[in-house]
C-alpha atoms as a PDB file:
ATOM      1  CA  UNK A   1      74.169  73.208  78.067  1.00  0.00           C
ATOM      2  CA  UNK A   2      70.841  72.749  75.961  1.00  0.00           C
ATOM      3  CA  UNK A   3      70.574  74.278  72.320  1.00  0.00           C
ATOM      4  CA  UNK A   4      67.388  76.310  73.287  1.00  0.00           C
ATOM      5  CA  UNK A   5      69.113  77.272  76.522  1.00  0.00           C
ATOM      6  CA  UNK A   6      72.435  78.634  74.269  1.00  0.00           C
ATOM      7  CA  UNK A   7      69.860  79.937  71.458  1.00  0.00           C
ATOM      8  CA  UNK A   8      68.104  82.377  74.072  1.00  0.00           C
ATOM      9  CA  UNK A   9      71.446  83.627  75.506  1.00  0.00           C
ATOM     10  CA  UNK A  10      72.411  84.778  72.191  1.00  0.00           C
ATOM     11  CA  UNK A  11      69.175  86.359  71.004  1.00  0.00           C
ATOM     12  CA  UNK A  12      69.823  88.313  74.332  1.00  0.00           C
ATOM     13  CA  UNK A  13      72.549  89.185  73.984  1.00  0.00           C
ATOM     14  CA  UNK A  14      71.988  90.137  70.468  1.00  0.00           C
ATOM     15  CA  UNK A  15      68.364  92.285  71.521  1.00  0.00           C
ATOM     16  CA  UNK A  16      70.913  93.941  73.954  1.00  0.00           C
ATOM     17  CA  UNK A  17      73.350  94.856  71.449  1.00  0.00           C
ATOM     18  CA  UNK A  18      71.083  96.681  69.394  1.00  0.00           C
ATOM     19  CA  UNK A  19      68.726  98.545  71.962  1.00  0.00           C
ATOM     20  CA  UNK A  20      72.112 100.009  73.496  1.00  0.00           C
ATOM     21  CA  UNK A  21      72.936 101.383  70.190  1.00  0.00           C
ATOM     22  CA  UNK A  22      69.770 102.749  69.702  1.00  0.00           C
ATOM     23  CA  UNK A  23      69.704 104.695  72.715  1.00  0.00           C
ATOM     24  CA  UNK A  24      73.125 105.536  71.805  1.00  0.00           C
ATOM     25  CA  UNK A  25      75.588 103.750  73.615  1.00  0.00           C
ATOM     26  CA  UNK A  26      78.024 101.700  70.947  1.00  0.00           C
ATOM     27  CA  UNK A  27      79.733  98.690  72.583  1.00  0.00           C
ATOM     28  CA  UNK A  28      82.632  98.698  69.889  1.00  0.00           C
ATOM     29  CA  UNK A  29      84.736 100.022  71.358  1.00  0.00           C
ATOM     30  CA  UNK A  30      84.097  98.069  74.070  1.00  0.00           C
ATOM     31  CA  UNK A  31      84.539  94.407  72.562  1.00  0.00           C
ATOM     32  CA  UNK A  32      87.621  96.181  70.734  1.00  0.00           C
ATOM     33  CA  UNK A  33      89.480  96.939  74.184  1.00  0.00           C
ATOM     34  CA  UNK A  34      87.868  93.589  75.929  1.00  0.00           C
ATOM     35  CA  UNK A  35      88.253  90.935  73.071  1.00  0.00           C
ATOM     36  CA  UNK A  36      92.002  89.662  73.718  1.00  0.00           C
ATOM     37  CA  UNK A  37      91.069  89.488  77.504  1.00  0.00           C
ATOM     38  CA  UNK A  38      88.561  86.809  76.224  1.00  0.00           C
ATOM     39  CA  UNK A  39      91.313  85.047  73.723  1.00  0.00           C
ATOM     40  CA  UNK A  40      93.500  85.152  76.428  1.00  0.00           C
ATOM     41  CA  UNK A  41      90.628  83.455  78.880  1.00  0.00           C
ATOM     42  CA  UNK A  42      89.164  81.071  76.733  1.00  0.00           C
ATOM     43  CA  UNK A  43      91.811  80.086  75.829  1.00  0.00           C
ATOM     44  CA  UNK A  44      93.770  78.842  79.766  1.00  0.00           C
ATOM     45  CA  UNK A  45      89.522  77.797  79.862  1.00  0.00           C
ATOM     46  CA  UNK A  46      90.879  75.201  77.461  1.00  0.00           C
ATOM     47  CA  UNK A  47      94.422  74.855  78.897  1.00  0.00           C
ATOM     48  CA  UNK A  48      93.165  73.739  82.052  1.00  0.00           C
ATOM     49  CA  UNK A  49      90.617  71.004  80.209  1.00  0.00           C
ATOM     50  CA  UNK A  50      93.402  68.968  79.008  1.00  0.00           C
ATOM     51  CA  UNK A  51      93.695  70.876  75.010  1.00  0.00           C
ATOM     52  CA  UNK A  52      97.158  72.247  75.247  1.00  0.00           C
ATOM     53  CA  UNK A  53      96.859  73.056  71.932  1.00  0.00           C
ATOM     54  CA  UNK A  54      94.230  74.192  71.353  1.00  0.00           C
ATOM     55  CA  UNK A  55      94.416  76.714  74.466  1.00  0.00           C
ATOM     56  CA  UNK A  56      98.075  77.803  74.369  1.00  0.00           C
ATOM     57  CA  UNK A  57      97.053  78.974  69.861  1.00  0.00           C
ATOM     58  CA  UNK A  58      93.827  81.222  72.399  1.00  0.00           C
ATOM     59  CA  UNK A  59      96.783  82.691  74.802  1.00  0.00           C
ATOM     60  CA  UNK A  60      99.337  83.121  72.625  1.00  0.00           C
ATOM     61  CA  UNK A  61      96.756  85.124  69.827  1.00  0.00           C
ATOM     62  CA  UNK A  62      95.499  87.370  72.869  1.00  0.00           C
ATOM     63  CA  UNK A  63      98.648  88.476  73.519  1.00  0.00           C
ATOM     64  CA  UNK A  64     100.170  89.330  70.307  1.00  0.00           C
ATOM     65  CA  UNK A  65      96.610  91.498  70.453  1.00  0.00           C
ATOM     66  CA  UNK A  66      96.787  92.715  73.406  1.00  0.00           C
ATOM     67  CA  UNK A  67     100.502  93.759  72.897  1.00  0.00           C
ATOM     68  CA  UNK A  68      99.861  95.459  69.545  1.00  0.00           C
ATOM     69  CA  UNK A  69      96.728  97.437  70.894  1.00  0.00           C
ATOM     70  CA  UNK A  70      98.660  98.597  73.959  1.00  0.00           C
ATOM     71  CA  UNK A  71     102.126  98.967  71.604  1.00  0.00           C
ATOM     72  CA  UNK A  72     102.247 102.951  71.583  1.00  0.00           C
ATOM     73  CA  UNK A  73     101.363 103.248  75.638  1.00  0.00           C
ATOM     74  CA  UNK A  74     104.507 100.665  76.379  1.00  0.00           C
ATOM     75  CA  UNK A  75     106.711 102.252  74.155  1.00  0.00           C
ATOM     76  CA  UNK A  76     106.210 105.561  76.008  1.00  0.00           C
ATOM     77  CA  UNK A  77     106.890 104.088  78.981  1.00  0.00           C
ATOM     78  CA  UNK A  78     110.262 102.747  77.821  1.00  0.00           C
ATOM     79  CA  UNK A  79     110.834 105.932  76.418  1.00  0.00           C
ATOM     80  CA  UNK A  80     110.044 107.364  79.601  1.00  0.00           C
ATOM     81  CA  UNK A  81     112.013 104.678  81.665  1.00  0.00           C
ATOM     82  CA  UNK A  82     115.177 105.708  79.134  1.00  0.00           C
ATOM     83  CA  UNK A  83     115.071 109.099  79.764  1.00  0.00           C
ATOM     84  CA  UNK A  84     115.216 108.351  84.046  1.00  0.00           C
ATOM     85  CA  UNK A  85     117.719 106.098  83.213  1.00  0.00           C
ATOM     86  CA  UNK A  86     119.792 108.528  80.986  1.00  0.00           C
ATOM     87  CA  UNK A  87     119.187 111.260  83.747  1.00  0.00           C
ATOM     88  CA  UNK A  88     120.462 109.697  87.167  1.00  0.00           C
ATOM     89  CA  UNK A  89     123.332 108.250  84.553  1.00  0.00           C
ATOM     90  CA  UNK A  90     124.176 111.511  84.286  1.00  0.00           C
ATOM     91  CA  UNK A  91     123.298 113.032  87.918  1.00  0.00           C
ATOM     92  CA  UNK A  92     125.920 110.152  88.880  1.00  0.00           C
ATOM     93  CA  UNK A  93     128.902 110.627  86.425  1.00  0.00           C
ATOM     94  CA  UNK A  94     132.322 111.102  88.628  1.00  0.00           C
ATOM     95  CA  UNK A  95     134.488 113.616  87.520  1.00  0.00           C
ATOM     96  CA  UNK A  96     138.267 112.584  87.534  1.00  0.00           C
END
């Protein structure tokens, strides 16, 4: 890509962010949600382009960040699974 094209895209993105903030749409939470996926995607692209170390590091960072964001949800799902397993074990218990 030409340097002028990159600068044009960058200026358009920054201008779009300013306009969205002006009309009341704050994209910080959206970027915070998408950033781990962006890191994982860049890591996959790097891995495919024979940059194995860089790609692996980016995928690992993105996965760790994604795991950290959804740790609460993962723990709730694990707790529900444990409860269901415990109830099923209690129901299947045979009295001798």
